[in-house]
Amino acid sequence: MKSGVMIRLSAILISTAMAASCSHGVGNLDYGRFRPDISETDTVVVDFREEGMLMLDDVVESVSYIRLETDPGCPIGRVDRVFFADSTIVIVDFRIASAIYLFDYEGHFIKQVSKPGNGPHEYLNLNYVAMTADKKHVVIQDRMKRRFLWFDMDGNYVRTTGLAKNGGNVEYVSSNCLVHDAEGIGGIVIPNDNSSFVVTDSALNIRYSFGEQIFSMKFNTTLEYNLYRCGDRILGRRVLDGNIYEFREDGVHIPYHFRLLPDDYSQYSYEDVDSYFEDINNHVVLDQLFIEMDNHSYFTLLQGKKQPYLYNHKTRRVAGLSTTFNDPMLAFFWWPFTTCGGDCLVSVAEPYAIIGYKSVREQVAPLPERFIELTDAISIDDNPILFFYKLKVL
């Protein structure tokens, strides 16, 4: 073991981190010690020396897609987040258009939600976008003005609420319970290890802090994406931590703990960032992406490069996922954004990538009719296309 490495707490000890329940009164700082029921925790063992591979063709039961209507009012540059409400698809483009668009489930454009600007219901900075747990509101975080802008699913303005000092990754457990990804979440450098998730009410009164540090009303939040919504559940993960945490109204729970063999890198932390990056390619690391479904969980591990894996909840078996495929519709099974329904992963493909793939693939073998119909109907100027991959119950 290198001198720069210090043994961290085990998964069981980490689970006793300082926190308290959401059921405590608003602003209650009488923090208790958080002890989740570890009997509900699945231990997911990933052994690179023994795990097999699943062919993508044998895992995906069916593929469908939704073409997002191309309209002068919705020039999507890049899809960064996708939300599925009862009758509406919410598309967020942080980096290029800096816009939020609403579509129906046939891909027809409905409306843009707010716009960049300095007006009372506009945003200077589209820092982050969340959807409330009841799927009735889209909430825009405008870090420049330190506020949340609330809109209903018709795109109409509802209200404005306050924001932490530096808004970042936030998800809604309920309409009055928020989880913030707080500064220092990475835990790579030991002095920051106590910084972690913070749960507040909608007025930013702290209900509990996940780590030992008690954050002020002006706690800093990070732009890292360590929180994610899987259906109705909000999950989170700390860097170099083998646990997946679930945030509920009654507190924090640990539904999964990962043991990454042979070296289980999650057991270590570093005294400085340089030593972390020096060793990262020599160890197994649980990457940020984790998507929970009814029968599977999709996640990625790092050991020099990203490798996708599927965990079967029933058999508790893990297998690597090969991107080898025979059906060209599977060619756009890139890193999924989210899930739609029980076991359906959602990916996004740009029209130019689809058209480019067709020109290469048609020189090798005949293309199926459904793929030809798709490519003949799009141009490189169209909006991105959502692909839905229904997984088999293995």
Protein backbone atom coordinates (compact mmCIF):
# COMPACT_ATOMS: atom_id res chain seq x y z
CA MET A 1 0.00 0.00 0.00
CA LYS A 2 1.41 3.43 -0.91
CA SER A 3 2.24 5.90 1.83
CA GLY A 4 -0.25 8.38 0.36
CA VAL A 5 -3.12 6.02 1.06
CA MET A 6 -5.00 5.92 4.34
CA ILE A 7 -7.55 3.32 5.24
CA ARG A 8 -11.05 4.76 5.32
CA LEU A 9 -13.96 3.61 7.33
CA SER A 10 -15.60 0.41 6.16
CA ALA A 11 -19.11 0.46 4.67
CA ILE A 12 -20.62 -0.43 8.03
CA LEU A 13 -18.76 2.36 9.84
CA ILE A 14 -19.59 4.88 7.14
CA SER A 15 -23.25 4.07 7.64
CA THR A 16 -22.99 5.52 11.15
CA ALA A 17 -22.12 8.99 9.83
CA MET A 18 -23.68 11.91 11.65
CA ALA A 19 -27.21 12.67 10.44
CA ALA A 20 -30.80 12.85 11.55
CA SER A 21 -34.21 12.11 10.12
CA CYS A 22 -36.23 14.30 7.77
CA SER A 23 -39.03 13.77 10.22
CA HIS A 24 -37.27 16.09 12.68
CA GLY A 25 -38.72 19.55 13.01
CA VAL A 26 -37.73 22.25 10.54
CA GLY A 27 -34.35 23.71 11.47
CA ASN A 28 -33.85 21.16 14.25
CA LEU A 29 -30.10 20.93 14.96
CA ASP A 30 -30.38 18.16 17.55
CA TYR A 31 -28.48 15.75 15.33
CA GLY A 32 -28.60 12.07 16.11
CA ARG A 33 -26.30 9.36 14.81
CA PHE A 34 -27.57 7.85 11.57
CA ARG A 35 -27.80 4.05 11.70
CA PRO A 36 -29.58 2.61 8.65
CA ASP A 37 -31.03 -0.87 8.61
CA ILE A 38 -28.23 -2.69 6.83
CA SER A 39 -30.33 -5.86 6.58
CA GLU A 40 -31.99 -4.23 3.54
CA THR A 41 -28.64 -3.65 1.85
CA ASP A 42 -27.65 -5.73 -1.16
CA THR A 43 -23.91 -6.37 -1.29
CA VAL A 44 -22.94 -6.28 -4.94
CA VAL A 45 -19.66 -8.12 -5.49
CA VAL A 46 -17.84 -7.35 -8.74
CA ASP A 47 -14.81 -9.56 -9.33
CA PHE A 48 -12.97 -8.69 -12.52
CA ARG A 49 -11.27 -12.09 -12.46
CA GLU A 50 -14.53 -14.04 -12.64
CA GLU A 51 -17.40 -11.94 -14.00
CA GLY A 52 -18.69 -12.89 -17.45
CA MET A 53 -20.04 -10.74 -20.25
CA LEU A 54 -23.58 -10.22 -21.53
CA MET A 55 -24.03 -9.56 -25.23
CA LEU A 56 -26.11 -6.44 -25.82
CA ASP A 57 -28.19 -8.31 -28.40
CA ASP A 58 -29.21 -10.85 -25.77
CA VAL A 59 -30.09 -8.26 -23.12
CA VAL A 60 -32.27 -5.78 -25.01
CA GLU A 61 -35.79 -7.06 -25.65
CA SER A 62 -36.97 -4.20 -27.86
CA VAL A 63 -35.94 -0.76 -29.12
CA SER A 64 -38.18 2.23 -29.78
CA TYR A 65 -37.51 5.90 -30.31
CA ILE A 66 -39.10 9.34 -30.18
CA ARG A 67 -38.09 11.97 -32.71
CA LEU A 68 -38.12 15.37 -31.03
CA GLU A 69 -39.86 17.73 -33.43
CA THR A 70 -37.57 20.25 -35.09
CA ASP A 71 -39.05 23.71 -34.76
CA PRO A 72 -37.57 27.23 -34.90
CA GLY A 73 -38.73 27.62 -31.30
CA CYS A 74 -36.75 24.65 -29.97
CA PRO A 75 -33.24 24.45 -31.48
CA ILE A 76 -31.77 21.85 -29.12
CA GLY A 77 -28.00 21.94 -29.15
CA ARG A 78 -27.39 19.11 -26.70
CA VAL A 79 -29.58 17.06 -24.38
CA ASP A 80 -28.15 17.23 -20.87
CA ARG A 81 -31.14 16.03 -18.81
CA VAL A 82 -34.41 14.26 -19.61
CA PHE A 83 -37.47 14.05 -17.35
CA PHE A 84 -40.66 12.09 -17.98
CA ALA A 85 -43.87 13.46 -16.47
CA ASP A 86 -47.34 11.97 -16.95
CA SER A 87 -47.90 13.43 -20.42
CA THR A 88 -44.81 15.57 -20.96
CA ILE A 89 -41.13 15.07 -21.75
CA VAL A 90 -38.80 17.74 -20.36
CA ILE A 91 -35.56 18.30 -22.30
CA VAL A 92 -32.79 20.39 -20.72
CA ASP A 93 -29.94 21.88 -22.76
CA PHE A 94 -27.52 23.50 -20.30
CA ARG A 95 -24.51 24.11 -22.49
CA ILE A 96 -25.59 25.27 -25.93
CA ALA A 97 -29.13 26.65 -26.07
CA SER A 98 -29.33 27.22 -22.29
CA ALA A 99 -32.99 26.28 -22.52
CA ILE A 100 -35.71 23.93 -21.30
CA TYR A 101 -38.23 22.49 -23.76
CA LEU A 102 -41.46 20.56 -23.29
CA PHE A 103 -42.56 17.82 -25.72
CA ASP A 104 -45.42 15.35 -25.74
CA TYR A 105 -44.83 11.61 -26.01
CA GLU A 106 -45.08 11.74 -29.78
CA GLY A 107 -42.22 14.21 -29.94
CA HIS A 108 -44.32 17.28 -30.73
CA PHE A 109 -42.90 20.52 -29.38
CA ILE A 110 -45.15 22.17 -26.79
CA LYS A 111 -43.37 25.11 -25.24
CA GLN A 112 -40.11 26.53 -23.97
CA VAL A 113 -39.95 27.01 -20.19
CA SER A 114 -38.78 30.55 -19.39
CA LYS A 115 -35.70 31.90 -21.20
CA PRO A 116 -32.33 33.53 -20.49
CA GLY A 117 -32.69 37.14 -19.42
CA ASN A 118 -33.01 39.55 -16.55
CA GLY A 119 -36.80 39.54 -16.28
CA PRO A 120 -38.68 38.51 -13.11
CA HIS A 121 -39.35 34.96 -14.39
CA GLU A 122 -36.17 34.62 -16.47
CA TYR A 123 -32.79 33.21 -15.52
CA LEU A 124 -29.31 34.66 -15.92
CA ASN A 125 -27.70 31.27 -15.48
CA LEU A 126 -29.27 27.86 -16.13
CA ASN A 127 -27.21 26.27 -13.41
CA TYR A 128 -29.28 23.15 -12.82
CA VAL A 129 -32.82 21.90 -13.41
CA ALA A 130 -34.80 19.45 -11.29
CA MET A 131 -38.29 18.00 -11.35
CA THR A 132 -40.26 17.66 -8.13
CA ALA A 133 -41.10 14.23 -6.78
CA ASP A 134 -44.78 14.54 -7.73
CA LYS A 135 -43.76 15.36 -11.35
CA LYS A 136 -45.87 18.52 -11.29
CA HIS A 137 -43.14 21.16 -11.36
CA VAL A 138 -39.90 21.96 -13.15
CA VAL A 139 -37.53 23.93 -10.92
CA ILE A 140 -34.77 26.09 -12.42
CA GLN A 141 -31.76 27.02 -10.33
CA ASP A 142 -30.42 30.46 -11.19
CA ARG A 143 -27.16 30.67 -9.29
CA MET A 144 -26.44 34.23 -10.44
CA LYS A 145 -29.61 35.48 -8.73
CA ARG A 146 -29.57 32.84 -5.95
CA ARG A 147 -33.10 31.64 -6.53
CA PHE A 148 -35.28 28.74 -7.64
CA LEU A 149 -37.86 29.47 -10.33
CA TRP A 150 -40.84 27.10 -10.26
CA PHE A 151 -42.93 26.28 -13.35
CA ASP A 152 -45.81 23.86 -13.84
CA MET A 153 -45.82 21.15 -16.50
CA ASP A 154 -47.56 23.54 -18.92
CA GLY A 155 -44.54 25.85 -18.66
CA ASN A 156 -46.34 28.49 -16.60
CA TYR A 157 -44.54 30.39 -13.84
CA VAL A 158 -45.64 29.41 -10.32
CA ARG A 159 -43.34 30.95 -7.71
CA THR A 160 -39.79 31.87 -6.69
CA THR A 161 -37.91 30.48 -3.68
CA GLY A 162 -34.42 30.99 -2.23
CA LEU A 163 -31.20 29.20 -3.13
CA ALA A 164 -28.04 28.23 -1.27
CA LYS A 165 -24.99 30.45 -1.74
CA ASN A 166 -23.66 28.47 -4.68
CA GLY A 167 -26.42 26.42 -6.26
CA GLY A 168 -25.47 23.04 -7.63
CA ASN A 169 -26.79 19.51 -7.86
CA VAL A 170 -30.16 19.35 -6.06
CA GLU A 171 -32.96 16.78 -6.16
CA TYR A 172 -36.40 16.85 -4.56
CA VAL A 173 -37.33 14.00 -2.21
CA SER A 174 -40.70 15.71 -1.83
CA SER A 175 -42.05 19.19 -2.48
CA ASN A 176 -40.67 20.25 0.90
CA CYS A 177 -37.54 18.11 1.19
CA LEU A 178 -34.41 18.76 -0.90
CA VAL A 179 -31.07 16.97 -1.09
CA HIS A 180 -28.05 19.16 -1.89
CA ASP A 181 -24.72 17.85 -3.13
CA ALA A 182 -22.52 19.91 -0.84
CA GLU A 183 -18.96 21.10 -1.36
CA GLY A 184 -16.35 18.51 -0.52
CA ILE A 185 -18.53 15.58 -1.52
CA GLY A 186 -15.64 13.92 -3.34
CA GLY A 187 -13.81 13.00 -0.16
CA ILE A 188 -10.61 12.50 -2.18
CA VAL A 189 -8.65 14.84 0.04
CA ILE A 190 -9.02 13.90 3.70
CA PRO A 191 -9.73 17.41 5.14
CA ASN A 192 -12.86 17.55 2.95
CA ASP A 193 -14.11 14.14 3.94
CA ASN A 194 -16.74 15.43 6.38
CA SER A 195 -18.46 17.47 3.69
CA SER A 196 -21.31 15.64 2.05
CA PHE A 197 -25.03 15.66 1.31
CA VAL A 198 -27.24 18.18 3.07
CA VAL A 199 -31.03 17.86 3.31
CA THR A 200 -33.17 20.96 3.81
CA ASP A 201 -36.76 22.06 3.61
CA SER A 202 -37.87 24.37 0.79
CA ALA A 203 -36.86 27.44 2.84
CA LEU A 204 -33.31 25.99 3.13
CA ASN A 205 -33.64 25.24 6.83
CA ILE A 206 -31.31 22.28 7.40
CA ARG A 207 -33.04 19.09 8.43
CA TYR A 208 -29.84 17.11 8.62
CA SER A 209 -26.34 16.90 7.27
CA PHE A 210 -25.06 13.59 6.02
CA GLY A 211 -21.52 14.13 7.29
CA GLU A 212 -20.20 15.23 10.65
CA GLN A 213 -19.95 18.87 9.65
CA ILE A 214 -23.07 20.95 10.31
CA PHE A 215 -23.54 23.32 7.41
CA SER A 216 -24.76 26.86 7.68
CA MET A 217 -27.66 28.30 5.74
CA LYS A 218 -25.09 29.48 3.19
CA PHE A 219 -23.41 26.14 2.58
CA ASN A 220 -21.62 25.75 -0.73
CA THR A 221 -22.84 23.17 -3.21
CA THR A 222 -20.92 21.47 -5.96
CA LEU A 223 -21.50 21.02 -9.67
CA GLU A 224 -20.59 17.34 -9.47
CA TYR A 225 -23.40 14.93 -10.38
CA ASN A 226 -23.49 12.60 -7.41
CA LEU A 227 -27.28 12.69 -7.03
CA TYR A 228 -29.67 11.06 -9.47
CA ARG A 229 -33.34 10.30 -9.75
CA CYS A 230 -34.31 6.70 -10.52
CA GLY A 231 -38.08 6.68 -10.95
CA ASP A 232 -39.50 7.88 -7.64
CA ARG A 233 -36.25 7.35 -5.75
CA ILE A 234 -33.39 9.78 -5.14
CA LEU A 235 -30.03 8.03 -4.96
CA GLY A 236 -26.59 9.42 -4.24
CA ARG A 237 -23.00 8.29 -4.10
CA ARG A 238 -19.82 9.62 -2.57
CA VAL A 239 -16.58 9.33 -4.51
CA LEU A 240 -14.43 6.40 -3.32
CA ASP A 241 -17.35 5.11 -1.28
CA GLY A 242 -18.80 1.70 -2.05
CA ASN A 243 -22.29 2.62 -0.86
CA ILE A 244 -25.30 3.81 -2.84
CA TYR A 245 -27.48 6.01 -0.61
CA GLU A 246 -31.22 6.53 -0.92
CA PHE A 247 -32.88 9.66 0.46
CA ARG A 248 -36.41 9.28 1.82
CA GLU A 249 -38.70 11.39 3.94
CA ASP A 250 -37.68 9.35 7.00
CA GLY A 251 -33.94 9.64 6.41
CA VAL A 252 -31.07 8.03 4.52
CA HIS A 253 -30.88 4.33 3.67
CA ILE A 254 -28.29 2.17 1.93
CA PRO A 255 -29.90 -0.10 -0.67
CA TYR A 256 -26.58 -1.23 -2.22
CA HIS A 257 -22.99 -1.70 -1.14
CA PHE A 258 -20.36 -2.47 -3.77
CA ARG A 259 -17.36 -4.70 -3.13
CA LEU A 260 -15.00 -4.23 -6.04
CA LEU A 261 -12.49 -7.07 -6.26
CA PRO A 262 -9.64 -7.78 -6.30
CA ASP A 263 -8.48 -4.55 -4.61
CA ASP A 264 -11.71 -2.78 -3.55
CA TYR A 265 -10.45 0.74 -4.09
CA SER A 266 -13.44 2.18 -2.24
CA GLN A 267 -11.64 1.40 1.01
CA TYR A 268 -9.04 4.12 0.46
CA SER A 269 -8.74 7.88 0.37
CA TYR A 270 -5.82 10.18 -0.39
CA GLU A 271 -3.99 12.97 1.34
CA ASP A 272 -3.76 14.97 -1.89
CA VAL A 273 -5.39 15.04 -5.30
CA ASP A 274 -2.14 14.33 -7.18
CA SER A 275 -1.69 10.95 -5.51
CA TYR A 276 -5.32 10.10 -6.29
CA PHE A 277 -4.90 10.69 -10.02
CA GLU A 278 -1.56 8.88 -9.98
CA ASP A 279 -3.19 5.67 -8.80
CA ILE A 280 -6.69 5.78 -10.28
CA ASN A 281 -5.80 3.65 -13.32
CA ASN A 282 -4.41 0.90 -11.10
CA HIS A 283 -7.57 0.33 -9.09
CA VAL A 284 -11.25 -0.40 -9.59
CA VAL A 285 -13.51 2.61 -9.06
CA LEU A 286 -17.31 2.85 -8.99
CA ASP A 287 -18.05 5.60 -11.51
CA GLN A 288 -20.75 8.25 -11.15
CA LEU A 289 -23.38 6.59 -13.34
CA PHE A 290 -25.82 4.35 -11.48
CA ILE A 291 -29.37 3.69 -12.72
CA GLU A 292 -31.75 1.52 -10.72
CA MET A 293 -34.57 -0.35 -12.47
CA ASP A 294 -37.19 -2.90 -11.39
CA ASN A 295 -35.09 -5.97 -12.18
CA HIS A 296 -31.65 -4.59 -12.94
CA SER A 297 -29.24 -1.83 -12.07
CA TYR A 298 -27.00 -0.31 -14.71
CA PHE A 299 -23.69 1.14 -13.55
CA THR A 300 -20.18 1.87 -14.80
CA LEU A 301 -16.83 1.04 -13.29
CA LEU A 302 -13.44 2.56 -14.00
CA GLN A 303 -10.15 0.77 -14.30
CA GLY A 304 -8.37 2.80 -16.92
CA LYS A 305 -11.60 3.08 -18.96
CA LYS A 306 -15.35 2.97 -18.44
CA GLN A 307 -17.01 -0.43 -18.49
CA PRO A 308 -20.82 -0.82 -18.20
CA TYR A 309 -22.28 -3.52 -15.97
CA LEU A 310 -25.72 -4.93 -15.20
CA TYR A 311 -26.71 -6.16 -11.76
CA ASN A 312 -29.63 -8.61 -11.62
CA HIS A 313 -31.65 -7.93 -8.46
CA LYS A 314 -33.18 -11.42 -8.43
CA THR A 315 -30.09 -13.54 -8.92
CA ARG A 316 -27.72 -10.95 -7.39
CA ARG A 317 -25.32 -11.61 -10.25
CA VAL A 318 -23.21 -9.02 -12.03
CA ALA A 319 -22.02 -9.17 -15.63
CA GLY A 320 -20.18 -6.81 -17.91
CA LEU A 321 -22.17 -5.47 -20.84
CA SER A 322 -20.60 -5.90 -24.27
CA THR A 323 -21.40 -3.25 -26.87
CA THR A 324 -21.05 -5.84 -29.62
CA PHE A 325 -24.32 -5.85 -31.57
CA ASN A 326 -25.95 -7.12 -34.75
CA ASP A 327 -29.00 -4.83 -34.79
CA PRO A 328 -28.04 -1.29 -35.91
CA MET A 329 -30.75 0.14 -33.62
CA LEU A 330 -28.51 -0.91 -30.73
CA ALA A 331 -25.68 1.25 -32.04
CA PHE A 332 -26.97 4.22 -30.04
CA PHE A 333 -27.03 2.47 -26.70
CA TRP A 334 -24.55 5.01 -25.36
CA TRP A 335 -24.36 6.03 -21.71
CA PRO A 336 -28.05 6.11 -20.68
CA PHE A 337 -29.44 9.35 -19.31
CA THR A 338 -32.22 7.90 -17.23
CA THR A 339 -34.90 5.22 -17.14
CA CYS A 340 -38.49 5.30 -18.37
CA GLY A 341 -40.74 2.69 -16.80
CA GLY A 342 -39.60 -0.48 -15.09
CA ASP A 343 -36.62 -1.71 -17.12
CA CYS A 344 -36.29 0.75 -19.98
CA LEU A 345 -33.07 2.72 -20.36
CA VAL A 346 -33.10 6.00 -22.27
CA SER A 347 -30.24 7.15 -24.46
CA VAL A 348 -29.90 10.11 -26.83
CA ALA A 349 -28.43 10.16 -30.35
CA GLU A 350 -27.61 13.11 -32.57
CA PRO A 351 -28.97 12.94 -36.16
CA TYR A 352 -25.51 13.38 -37.67
CA ALA A 353 -24.28 10.35 -35.73
CA ILE A 354 -27.21 8.23 -36.95
CA ILE A 355 -26.76 9.28 -40.57
CA GLY A 356 -23.01 8.74 -40.34
CA TYR A 357 -23.48 5.29 -38.89
CA LYS A 358 -25.86 4.37 -41.71
CA SER A 359 -23.32 5.34 -44.40
CA VAL A 360 -20.75 3.05 -42.83
CA ARG A 361 -23.04 0.16 -41.95
CA GLU A 362 -24.81 -0.11 -45.32
CA GLN A 363 -21.48 -0.90 -46.97
CA VAL A 364 -21.15 -4.00 -44.81
CA ALA A 365 -24.61 -5.60 -44.72
CA PRO A 366 -28.25 -4.86 -45.65
CA LEU A 367 -29.98 -2.59 -43.15
CA PRO A 368 -33.36 -3.48 -41.60
CA GLU A 369 -36.35 -1.55 -42.89
CA ARG A 370 -37.08 0.22 -39.59
CA PHE A 371 -33.57 1.65 -39.52
CA ILE A 372 -33.82 2.83 -43.12
CA GLU A 373 -37.16 4.49 -42.35
CA LEU A 374 -35.61 6.30 -39.41
CA THR A 375 -32.59 7.59 -41.29
CA ASP A 376 -34.56 8.56 -44.40
CA ALA A 377 -36.83 10.75 -42.27
CA ILE A 378 -34.13 12.82 -40.54
CA SER A 379 -31.46 15.32 -41.53
CA ILE A 380 -28.39 16.53 -39.70
CA ASP A 381 -30.26 19.72 -38.73
CA ASP A 382 -32.94 17.85 -36.80
CA ASN A 383 -33.20 17.70 -33.03
CA PRO A 384 -31.66 14.77 -31.12
CA ILE A 385 -33.61 11.51 -30.97
CA LEU A 386 -34.52 9.64 -27.77
CA PHE A 387 -33.91 5.89 -27.86
CA PHE A 388 -35.71 3.55 -25.44
CA TYR A 389 -34.12 0.19 -24.71
CA LYS A 390 -36.37 -2.31 -22.95
CA LEU A 391 -34.27 -4.87 -21.10
CA LYS A 392 -35.21 -8.51 -20.77
CA VAL A 393 -35.94 -9.92 -17.33
CA LEU A 394 -32.95 -12.27 -17.13
